[in-house]
């Protein structure tokens, strides 16, 4: 399952998405931990295609909700679990490429 988080933008602001990385038939974020700063994320919504450049790759506490709050800046935030570490989440953030 892939979820757009409540309060986030769909194409403007902070597009915040969460998904599983293992343990399910479909694991959309299974390769998230291999992403690096400077890699690109391609996001499609309806007939719109946006490209983001990764600027942040970090592990955060599961209580850190600030990273998924909407922003004035156009960005994307991807959240998934950290293997065998249930109180933490992997957080990838990218800025819109122009």
PDB file of N, CA and C in Angstrom:
ATOM      1  N   UNK A   1       0.832  -1.164   0.000  1.00  0.00           N
ATOM      2  CA  UNK A   1       0.000   0.000   0.000  1.00  0.00           C
ATOM      3  C   UNK A   1       0.884   1.238   0.000  1.00  0.00           C
ATOM      4  N   UNK A   2       0.470   2.234  -0.738  1.00  0.00           N
ATOM      5  CA  UNK A   2       1.122   3.536  -0.782  1.00  0.00           C
ATOM      6  C   UNK A   2       0.096   4.555  -0.327  1.00  0.00           C
ATOM      7  N   UNK A   3       0.458   5.418   0.599  1.00  0.00           N
ATOM      8  CA  UNK A   3      -0.491   6.393   1.133  1.00  0.00           C
ATOM      9  C   UNK A   3       0.063   7.797   1.026  1.00  0.00           C
ATOM     10  N   UNK A   4      -0.775   8.718   0.582  1.00  0.00           N
ATOM     11  CA  UNK A   4      -0.422  10.130   0.669  1.00  0.00           C
ATOM     12  C   UNK A   4      -0.924  10.587   2.033  1.00  0.00           C
ATOM     13  N   UNK A   5      -0.062  11.213   2.791  1.00  0.00           N
ATOM     14  CA  UNK A   5      -0.388  11.529   4.178  1.00  0.00           C
ATOM     15  C   UNK A   5      -1.317  12.728   4.284  1.00  0.00           C
ATOM     16  N   UNK A   6      -2.216  12.649   5.251  1.00  0.00           N
ATOM     17  CA  UNK A   6      -3.220  13.680   5.488  1.00  0.00           C
ATOM     18  C   UNK A   6      -2.577  15.056   5.623  1.00  0.00           C
ATOM     19  N   UNK A   7      -3.108  16.022   4.906  1.00  0.00           N
ATOM     20  CA  UNK A   7      -2.631  17.393   5.009  1.00  0.00           C
ATOM     21  C   UNK A   7      -1.509  17.734   4.053  1.00  0.00           C
ATOM     22  N   UNK A   8      -0.978  16.740   3.366  1.00  0.00           N
ATOM     23  CA  UNK A   8       0.117  17.044   2.436  1.00  0.00           C
ATOM     24  C   UNK A   8      -0.456  17.449   1.092  1.00  0.00           C
ATOM     25  N   UNK A   9       0.408  18.006   0.251  1.00  0.00           N
ATOM     26  CA  UNK A   9      -0.022  18.412  -1.078  1.00  0.00           C
ATOM     27  C   UNK A   9      -0.035  17.238  -2.043  1.00  0.00           C
ATOM     28  N   UNK A  10      -0.717  17.405  -3.158  1.00  0.00           N
ATOM     29  CA  UNK A  10      -0.692  16.402  -4.220  1.00  0.00           C
ATOM     30  C   UNK A  10       0.324  16.781  -5.291  1.00  0.00           C
ATOM     31  N   UNK A  11       0.435  18.090  -5.567  1.00  0.00           N
ATOM     32  CA  UNK A  11       1.454  18.556  -6.517  1.00  0.00           C
ATOM     33  C   UNK A  11       2.166  19.805  -6.023  1.00  0.00           C
ATOM     34  N   UNK A  12       1.585  20.500  -5.062  1.00  0.00           N
ATOM     35  CA  UNK A  12       2.202  21.709  -4.507  1.00  0.00           C
ATOM     36  C   UNK A  12       2.471  21.495  -3.024  1.00  0.00           C
ATOM     37  N   UNK A  13       3.498  22.182  -2.534  1.00  0.00           N
ATOM     38  CA  UNK A  13       3.851  22.033  -1.130  1.00  0.00           C
ATOM     39  C   UNK A  13       4.637  20.763  -0.907  1.00  0.00           C
ATOM     40  N   UNK A  14       4.465  20.159   0.242  1.00  0.00           N
ATOM     41  CA  UNK A  14       5.174  18.933   0.607  1.00  0.00           C
ATOM     42  C   UNK A  14       4.309  17.725   0.262  1.00  0.00           C
ATOM     43  N   UNK A  15       4.684  17.002  -0.773  1.00  0.00           N
ATOM     44  CA  UNK A  15       3.993  15.765  -1.142  1.00  0.00           C
ATOM     45  C   UNK A  15       4.574  14.671  -0.244  1.00  0.00           C
ATOM     46  N   UNK A  16       3.824  14.258   0.755  1.00  0.00           N
ATOM     47  CA  UNK A  16       4.319  13.292   1.744  1.00  0.00           C
ATOM     48  C   UNK A  16       3.685  11.926   1.503  1.00  0.00           C
ATOM     49  N   UNK A  17       4.528  10.930   1.209  1.00  0.00           N
ATOM     50  CA  UNK A  17       4.071   9.578   0.895  1.00  0.00           C
ATOM     51  C   UNK A  17       4.688   8.577   1.860  1.00  0.00           C
ATOM     52  N   UNK A  18       3.919   7.580   2.240  1.00  0.00           N
ATOM     53  CA  UNK A  18       4.413   6.516   3.111  1.00  0.00           C
ATOM     54  C   UNK A  18       4.059   5.170   2.492  1.00  0.00           C
ATOM     55  N   UNK A  19       4.965   4.207   2.634  1.00  0.00           N
ATOM     56  CA  UNK A  19       4.715   2.863   2.105  1.00  0.00           C
ATOM     57  C   UNK A  19       5.613   1.855   2.814  1.00  0.00           C
ATOM     58  N   UNK A  20       5.249   0.578   2.658  1.00  0.00           N
ATOM     59  CA  UNK A  20       6.041  -0.508   3.222  1.00  0.00           C
ATOM     60  C   UNK A  20       7.287  -0.755   2.373  1.00  0.00           C
ATOM     61  N   UNK A  21       8.316  -1.316   3.002  1.00  0.00           N
ATOM     62  CA  UNK A  21       9.530  -1.669   2.262  1.00  0.00           C
ATOM     63  C   UNK A  21       9.802  -3.174   2.287  1.00  0.00           C
ATOM     64  N   UNK A  22       8.993  -3.939   3.011  1.00  0.00           N
ATOM     65  CA  UNK A  22       9.157  -5.395   3.067  1.00  0.00           C
ATOM     66  C   UNK A  22       7.952  -6.010   3.764  1.00  0.00           C
ATOM     67  N   UNK A  23       7.823  -7.325   3.618  1.00  0.00           N
ATOM     68  CA  UNK A  23       6.799  -8.046   4.355  1.00  0.00           C
ATOM     69  C   UNK A  23       5.427  -8.119   3.707  1.00  0.00           C
ATOM     70  N   UNK A  24       5.258  -7.512   2.557  1.00  0.00           N
ATOM     71  CA  UNK A  24       3.970  -7.533   1.878  1.00  0.00           C
ATOM     72  C   UNK A  24       4.172  -7.968   0.430  1.00  0.00           C
ATOM     73  N   UNK A  25       3.090  -8.327  -0.226  1.00  0.00           N
ATOM     74  CA  UNK A  25       3.182  -8.773  -1.618  1.00  0.00           C
ATOM     75  C   UNK A  25       3.776  -7.678  -2.508  1.00  0.00           C
ATOM     76  N   UNK A  26       3.356  -6.440  -2.280  1.00  0.00           N
ATOM     77  CA  UNK A  26       3.894  -5.288  -3.010  1.00  0.00           C
ATOM     78  C   UNK A  26       4.541  -4.357  -1.994  1.00  0.00           C
ATOM     79  N   UNK A  27       5.815  -4.052  -2.197  1.00  0.00           N
ATOM     80  CA  UNK A  27       6.570  -3.183  -1.279  1.00  0.00           C
ATOM     81  C   UNK A  27       7.140  -2.016  -2.086  1.00  0.00           C
ATOM     82  N   UNK A  28       6.354  -0.967  -2.235  1.00  0.00           N
ATOM     83  CA  UNK A  28       6.731   0.142  -3.095  1.00  0.00           C
ATOM     84  C   UNK A  28       8.066   0.778  -2.708  1.00  0.00           C
ATOM     85  N   UNK A  29       8.382   0.788  -1.441  1.00  0.00           N
ATOM     86  CA  UNK A  29       9.594   1.471  -0.979  1.00  0.00           C
ATOM     87  C   UNK A  29      10.713   0.494  -0.624  1.00  0.00           C
ATOM     88  N   UNK A  30      10.734  -0.683  -1.233  1.00  0.00           N
ATOM     89  CA  UNK A  30      11.735  -1.704  -0.901  1.00  0.00           C
ATOM     90  C   UNK A  30      13.162  -1.249  -1.173  1.00  0.00           C
ATOM     91  N   UNK A  31      13.375  -0.354  -2.117  1.00  0.00           N
ATOM     92  CA  UNK A  31      14.724   0.109  -2.464  1.00  0.00           C
ATOM     93  C   UNK A  31      15.031   1.506  -1.925  1.00  0.00           C
ATOM     94  N   UNK A  32      14.179   2.021  -1.072  1.00  0.00           N
ATOM     95  CA  UNK A  32      14.350   3.390  -0.586  1.00  0.00           C
ATOM     96  C   UNK A  32      15.697   3.604   0.100  1.00  0.00           C
ATOM     97  N   UNK A  33      16.163   2.623   0.864  1.00  0.00           N
ATOM     98  CA  UNK A  33      17.413   2.808   1.610  1.00  0.00           C
ATOM     99  C   UNK A  33      18.629   2.926   0.692  1.00  0.00           C
ATOM    100  N   UNK A  34      18.498   2.530  -0.565  1.00  0.00           N
ATOM    101  CA  UNK A  34      19.639   2.626  -1.490  1.00  0.00           C
ATOM    102  C   UNK A  34      19.726   3.986  -2.183  1.00  0.00           C
ATOM    103  N   UNK A  35      18.720   4.845  -1.979  1.00  0.00           N
ATOM    104  CA  UNK A  35      18.765   6.180  -2.592  1.00  0.00           C
ATOM    105  C   UNK A  35      19.820   7.043  -1.921  1.00  0.00           C
ATOM    106  N   UNK A  36      20.394   7.955  -2.724  1.00  0.00           N
ATOM    107  CA  UNK A  36      21.453   8.835  -2.230  1.00  0.00           C
ATOM    108  C   UNK A  36      21.132  10.288  -2.550  1.00  0.00           C
ATOM    109  N   UNK A  37      21.794  11.179  -1.822  1.00  0.00           N
ATOM    110  CA  UNK A  37      21.676  12.606  -2.091  1.00  0.00           C
ATOM    111  C   UNK A  37      22.039  12.838  -3.560  1.00  0.00           C
ATOM    112  N   UNK A  38      21.213  13.614  -4.258  1.00  0.00           N
ATOM    113  CA  UNK A  38      21.450  13.896  -5.669  1.00  0.00           C
ATOM    114  C   UNK A  38      20.666  13.001  -6.617  1.00  0.00           C
ATOM    115  N   UNK A  39      20.193  11.833  -6.138  1.00  0.00           N
ATOM    116  CA  UNK A  39      19.351  10.974  -6.974  1.00  0.00           C
ATOM    117  C   UNK A  39      18.033  11.696  -7.260  1.00  0.00           C
ATOM    118  N   UNK A  40      17.360  11.261  -8.319  1.00  0.00           N
ATOM    119  CA  UNK A  40      16.092  11.868  -8.694  1.00  0.00           C
ATOM    120  C   UNK A  40      14.916  10.962  -8.357  1.00  0.00           C
ATOM    121  N   UNK A  41      13.816  11.580  -7.978  1.00  0.00           N
ATOM    122  CA  UNK A  41      12.550  10.893  -7.730  1.00  0.00           C
ATOM    123  C   UNK A  41      11.563  11.417  -8.771  1.00  0.00           C
ATOM    124  N   UNK A  42      10.954  10.519  -9.512  1.00  0.00           N
ATOM    125  CA  UNK A  42       9.930  10.905 -10.480  1.00  0.00           C
ATOM    126  C   UNK A  42       8.574  10.605  -9.862  1.00  0.00           C
ATOM    127  N   UNK A  43       7.741  11.627  -9.786  1.00  0.00           N
ATOM    128  CA  UNK A  43       6.410  11.528  -9.178  1.00  0.00           C
ATOM    129  C   UNK A  43       5.370  11.887 -10.242  1.00  0.00           C
ATOM    130  N   UNK A  44       4.387  11.021 -10.387  1.00  0.00           N
ATOM    131  CA  UNK A  44       3.307  11.272 -11.337  1.00  0.00           C
ATOM    132  C   UNK A  44       1.979  11.350 -10.596  1.00  0.00           C
ATOM    133  N   UNK A  45       1.223  12.377 -10.928  1.00  0.00           N
ATOM    134  CA  UNK A  45      -0.130  12.531 -10.390  1.00  0.00           C
ATOM    135  C   UNK A  45      -1.026  12.942 -11.548  1.00  0.00           C
ATOM    136  N   UNK A  46      -1.968  12.072 -11.880  1.00  0.00           N
ATOM    137  CA  UNK A  46      -2.839  12.245 -13.046  1.00  0.00           C
ATOM    138  C   UNK A  46      -1.961  12.435 -14.281  1.00  0.00           C
ATOM    139  N   UNK A  47      -2.059  13.552 -14.978  1.00  0.00           N
ATOM    140  CA  UNK A  47      -1.240  13.753 -16.178  1.00  0.00           C
ATOM    141  C   UNK A  47      -0.029  14.654 -15.911  1.00  0.00           C
ATOM    142  N   UNK A  48       0.325  14.810 -14.656  1.00  0.00           N
ATOM    143  CA  UNK A  48       1.442  15.684 -14.274  1.00  0.00           C
ATOM    144  C   UNK A  48       2.638  14.830 -13.866  1.00  0.00           C
ATOM    145  N   UNK A  49       3.807  15.195 -14.353  1.00  0.00           N
ATOM    146  CA  UNK A  49       5.051  14.513 -13.989  1.00  0.00           C
ATOM    147  C   UNK A  49       5.984  15.540 -13.357  1.00  0.00           C
ATOM    148  N   UNK A  50       6.423  15.256 -12.133  1.00  0.00           N
ATOM    149  CA  UNK A  50       7.343  16.139 -11.420  1.00  0.00           C
ATOM    150  C   UNK A  50       8.611  15.359 -11.083  1.00  0.00           C
ATOM    151  N   UNK A  51       9.732  16.046 -11.150  1.00  0.00           N
ATOM    152  CA  UNK A  51      11.016  15.428 -10.809  1.00  0.00           C
ATOM    153  C   UNK A  51      11.609  16.181  -9.623  1.00  0.00           C
ATOM    154  N   UNK A  52      12.006  15.408  -8.625  1.00  0.00           N
ATOM    155  CA  UNK A  52      12.613  15.959  -7.409  1.00  0.00           C
ATOM    156  C   UNK A  52      14.032  15.430  -7.283  1.00  0.00           C
ATOM    157  N   UNK A  53      14.915  16.246  -6.711  1.00  0.00           N
ATOM    158  CA  UNK A  53      16.298  15.838  -6.432  1.00  0.00           C
ATOM    159  C   UNK A  53      16.420  15.627  -4.931  1.00  0.00           C
ATOM    160  N   UNK A  54      16.947  14.474  -4.534  1.00  0.00           N
ATOM    161  CA  UNK A  54      17.070  14.150  -3.113  1.00  0.00           C
ATOM    162  C   UNK A  54      18.112  15.057  -2.454  1.00  0.00           C
ATOM    163  N   UNK A  55      17.686  15.694  -1.358  1.00  0.00           N
ATOM    164  CA  UNK A  55      18.569  16.589  -0.601  1.00  0.00           C
ATOM    165  C   UNK A  55      18.768  16.107   0.833  1.00  0.00           C
ATOM    166  N   UNK A  56      17.948  15.141   1.263  1.00  0.00           N
ATOM    167  CA  UNK A  56      18.017  14.660   2.647  1.00  0.00           C
ATOM    168  C   UNK A  56      17.699  13.168   2.675  1.00  0.00           C
ATOM    169  N   UNK A  57      18.513  12.415   3.399  1.00  0.00           N
ATOM    170  CA  UNK A  57      18.270  10.981   3.617  1.00  0.00           C
ATOM    171  C   UNK A  57      18.659  10.720   5.068  1.00  0.00           C
ATOM    172  N   UNK A  58      17.645  10.482   5.899  1.00  0.00           N
ATOM    173  CA  UNK A  58      17.926  10.355   7.325  1.00  0.00           C
ATOM    174  C   UNK A  58      16.975   9.369   7.973  1.00  0.00           C
ATOM    175  N   UNK A  59      17.321   8.962   9.184  1.00  0.00           N
ATOM    176  CA  UNK A  59      16.462   8.126  10.015  1.00  0.00           C
ATOM    177  C   UNK A  59      15.916   9.020  11.119  1.00  0.00           C
ATOM    178  N   UNK A  60      14.600   8.958  11.296  1.00  0.00           N
ATOM    179  CA  UNK A  60      13.934   9.808  12.284  1.00  0.00           C
ATOM    180  C   UNK A  60      13.109   8.930  13.232  1.00  0.00           C
ATOM    181  N   UNK A  61      12.715   9.498  14.352  1.00  0.00           N
ATOM    182  CA  UNK A  61      11.812   8.812  15.277  1.00  0.00           C
ATOM    183  C   UNK A  61      10.415   8.746  14.655  1.00  0.00           C
ATOM    184  N   UNK A  62       9.661   7.708  14.982  1.00  0.00           N
ATOM    185  CA  UNK A  62       8.314   7.573  14.432  1.00  0.00           C
ATOM    186  C   UNK A  62       7.368   8.663  14.920  1.00  0.00           C
ATOM    187  N   UNK A  63       7.764   9.407  15.921  1.00  0.00           N
ATOM    188  CA  UNK A  63       6.955  10.507  16.446  1.00  0.00           C
ATOM    189  C   UNK A  63       7.264  11.842  15.771  1.00  0.00           C
ATOM    190  N   UNK A  64       8.262  11.873  14.906  1.00  0.00           N
ATOM    191  CA  UNK A  64       8.657  13.109  14.226  1.00  0.00           C
ATOM    192  C   UNK A  64       7.715  13.369  13.053  1.00  0.00           C
ATOM    193  N   UNK A  65       6.670  14.153  13.305  1.00  0.00           N
ATOM    194  CA  UNK A  65       5.686  14.416  12.253  1.00  0.00           C
ATOM    195  C   UNK A  65       5.973  15.713  11.497  1.00  0.00           C
ATOM    196  N   UNK A  66       6.927  16.490  11.954  1.00  0.00           N
ATOM    197  CA  UNK A  66       7.241  17.757  11.297  1.00  0.00           C
ATOM    198  C   UNK A  66       7.647  17.555   9.836  1.00  0.00           C
ATOM    199  N   UNK A  67       8.289  16.414   9.538  1.00  0.00           N
ATOM    200  CA  UNK A  67       8.789  16.186   8.177  1.00  0.00           C
ATOM    201  C   UNK A  67       7.668  15.984   7.167  1.00  0.00           C
ATOM    202  N   UNK A  68       6.466  15.659   7.620  1.00  0.00           N
ATOM    203  CA  UNK A  68       5.363  15.432   6.694  1.00  0.00           C
ATOM    204  C   UNK A  68       4.369  16.596   6.648  1.00  0.00           C
ATOM    205  N   UNK A  69       4.629  17.635   7.410  1.00  0.00           N
ATOM    206  CA  UNK A  69       3.743  18.795   7.373  1.00  0.00           C
ATOM    207  C   UNK A  69       3.874  19.496   6.037  1.00  0.00           C
ATOM    208  N   UNK A  70       2.781  20.111   5.603  1.00  0.00           N
ATOM    209  CA  UNK A  70       2.813  20.818   4.332  1.00  0.00           C
ATOM    210  C   UNK A  70       3.692  22.064   4.440  1.00  0.00           C
ATOM    211  N   UNK A  71       4.281  22.454   3.319  1.00  0.00           N
ATOM    212  CA  UNK A  71       5.194  23.588   3.274  1.00  0.00           C
ATOM    213  C   UNK A  71       4.832  24.491   2.099  1.00  0.00           C
ATOM    214  N   UNK A  72       5.389  25.678   2.095  1.00  0.00           N
ATOM    215  CA  UNK A  72       5.247  26.575   0.946  1.00  0.00           C
ATOM    216  C   UNK A  72       6.183  26.147  -0.179  1.00  0.00           C
ATOM    217  N   UNK A  73       7.265  25.484   0.188  1.00  0.00           N
ATOM    218  CA  UNK A  73       8.243  25.002  -0.785  1.00  0.00           C
ATOM    219  C   UNK A  73       7.740  23.704  -1.416  1.00  0.00           C
ATOM    220  N   UNK A  74       7.921  23.578  -2.724  1.00  0.00           N
ATOM    221  CA  UNK A  74       7.526  22.345  -3.411  1.00  0.00           C
ATOM    222  C   UNK A  74       8.601  21.292  -3.188  1.00  0.00           C
ATOM    223  N   UNK A  75       8.218  20.222  -2.497  1.00  0.00           N
ATOM    224  CA  UNK A  75       9.151  19.154  -2.151  1.00  0.00           C
ATOM    225  C   UNK A  75       8.393  17.841  -2.035  1.00  0.00           C
ATOM    226  N   UNK A  76       9.133  16.761  -1.875  1.00  0.00           N
ATOM    227  CA  UNK A  76       8.534  15.445  -1.671  1.00  0.00           C
ATOM    228  C   UNK A  76       9.200  14.805  -0.462  1.00  0.00           C
ATOM    229  N   UNK A  77       8.410  14.094   0.336  1.00  0.00           N
ATOM    230  CA  UNK A  77       8.919  13.371   1.497  1.00  0.00           C
ATOM    231  C   UNK A  77       8.430  11.932   1.406  1.00  0.00           C
ATOM    232  N   UNK A  78       9.365  10.995   1.449  1.00  0.00           N
ATOM    233  CA  UNK A  78       9.045   9.569   1.417  1.00  0.00           C
ATOM    234  C   UNK A  78       9.393   8.970   2.776  1.00  0.00           C
ATOM    235  N   UNK A  79       8.451   8.244   3.356  1.00  0.00           N
ATOM    236  CA  UNK A  79       8.623   7.675   4.697  1.00  0.00           C
ATOM    237  C   UNK A  79       8.394   6.165   4.636  1.00  0.00           C
ATOM    238  N   UNK A  80       9.274   5.405   5.292  1.00  0.00           N
ATOM    239  CA  UNK A  80       9.091   3.963   5.415  1.00  0.00           C
ATOM    240  C   UNK A  80       9.730   3.490   6.714  1.00  0.00           C
ATOM    241  N   UNK A  81       9.461   2.269   7.082  1.00  0.00           N
ATOM    242  CA  UNK A  81      10.026   1.695   8.303  1.00  0.00           C
ATOM    243  C   UNK A  81      11.526   1.442   8.152  1.00  0.00           C
ATOM    244  N   UNK A  82      12.194   1.355   9.289  1.00  0.00           N
ATOM    245  CA  UNK A  82      13.588   0.927   9.332  1.00  0.00           C
ATOM    246  C   UNK A  82      13.571  -0.526   9.801  1.00  0.00           C
ATOM    247  N   UNK A  83      14.225  -1.403   9.055  1.00  0.00           N
ATOM    248  CA  UNK A  83      14.214  -2.829   9.348  1.00  0.00           C
ATOM    249  C   UNK A  83      14.647  -3.124  10.779  1.00  0.00           C
ATOM    250  N   UNK A  84      13.829  -3.904  11.489  1.00  0.00           N
ATOM    251  CA  UNK A  84      14.109  -4.350  12.855  1.00  0.00           C
ATOM    252  C   UNK A  84      14.319  -3.200  13.842  1.00  0.00           C
ATOM    253  N   UNK A  85      13.715  -2.072  13.565  1.00  0.00           N
ATOM    254  CA  UNK A  85      13.843  -0.900  14.415  1.00  0.00           C
ATOM    255  C   UNK A  85      12.499  -0.165  14.392  1.00  0.00           C
ATOM    256  N   UNK A  86      11.479  -0.709  15.051  1.00  0.00           N
ATOM    257  CA  UNK A  86      10.111  -0.214  14.884  1.00  0.00           C
ATOM    258  C   UNK A  86       9.844   1.217  15.353  1.00  0.00           C
ATOM    259  N   UNK A  87      10.700   1.779  16.172  1.00  0.00           N
ATOM    260  CA  UNK A  87      10.456   3.148  16.640  1.00  0.00           C
ATOM    261  C   UNK A  87      11.056   4.208  15.712  1.00  0.00           C
ATOM    262  N   UNK A  88      11.725   3.770  14.636  1.00  0.00           N
ATOM    263  CA  UNK A  88      12.336   4.712  13.699  1.00  0.00           C
ATOM    264  C   UNK A  88      11.738   4.590  12.303  1.00  0.00           C
ATOM    265  N   UNK A  89      11.911   5.647  11.509  1.00  0.00           N
ATOM    266  CA  UNK A  89      11.458   5.680  10.123  1.00  0.00           C
ATOM    267  C   UNK A  89      12.579   6.230   9.242  1.00  0.00           C
ATOM    268  N   UNK A  90      12.658   5.700   8.028  1.00  0.00           N
ATOM    269  CA  UNK A  90      13.579   6.245   7.030  1.00  0.00           C
ATOM    270  C   UNK A  90      12.851   7.390   6.345  1.00  0.00           C
ATOM    271  N   UNK A  91      13.513   8.515   6.200  1.00  0.00           N
ATOM    272  CA  UNK A  91      12.913   9.717   5.624  1.00  0.00           C
ATOM    273  C   UNK A  91      13.796  10.223   4.488  1.00  0.00           C
ATOM    274  N   UNK A  92      13.226  10.285   3.297  1.00  0.00           N
ATOM    275  CA  UNK A  92      13.913  10.809   2.122  1.00  0.00           C
ATOM    276  C   UNK A  92      13.164  12.070   1.712  1.00  0.00           C
ATOM    277  N   UNK A  93      13.902  13.168   1.519  1.00  0.00           N
ATOM    278  CA  UNK A  93      13.262  14.407   1.084  1.00  0.00           C
ATOM    279  C   UNK A  93      13.950  14.941  -0.167  1.00  0.00           C
ATOM    280  N   UNK A  94      13.138  15.410  -1.079  1.00  0.00           N
ATOM    281  CA  UNK A  94      13.661  15.968  -2.322  1.00  0.00           C
ATOM    282  C   UNK A  94      13.025  17.307  -2.632  1.00  0.00           C
ATOM    283  N   UNK A  95      13.786  18.135  -3.352  1.00  0.00           N
ATOM    284  CA  UNK A  95      13.287  19.435  -3.783  1.00  0.00           C
ATOM    285  C   UNK A  95      12.979  19.369  -5.265  1.00  0.00           C
ATOM    286  N   UNK A  96      11.961  20.115  -5.671  1.00  0.00           N
ATOM    287  CA  UNK A  96      11.528  20.126  -7.054  1.00  0.00           C
ATOM    288  C   UNK A  96      12.650  20.600  -7.960  1.00  0.00           C
ATOM    289  N   UNK A  97      12.888  19.843  -9.035  1.00  0.00           N
ATOM    290  CA  UNK A  97      13.931  20.181 -10.003  1.00  0.00           C
ATOM    291  C   UNK A  97      13.318  21.087 -11.069  1.00  0.00           C
ATOM    292  N   UNK A  98      14.033  22.145 -11.406  1.00  0.00           N
ATOM    293  CA  UNK A  98      13.544  23.055 -12.456  1.00  0.00           C
ATOM    294  C   UNK A  98      14.385  22.941 -13.688  1.00  0.00           C
TER     295      UNK A  98
END
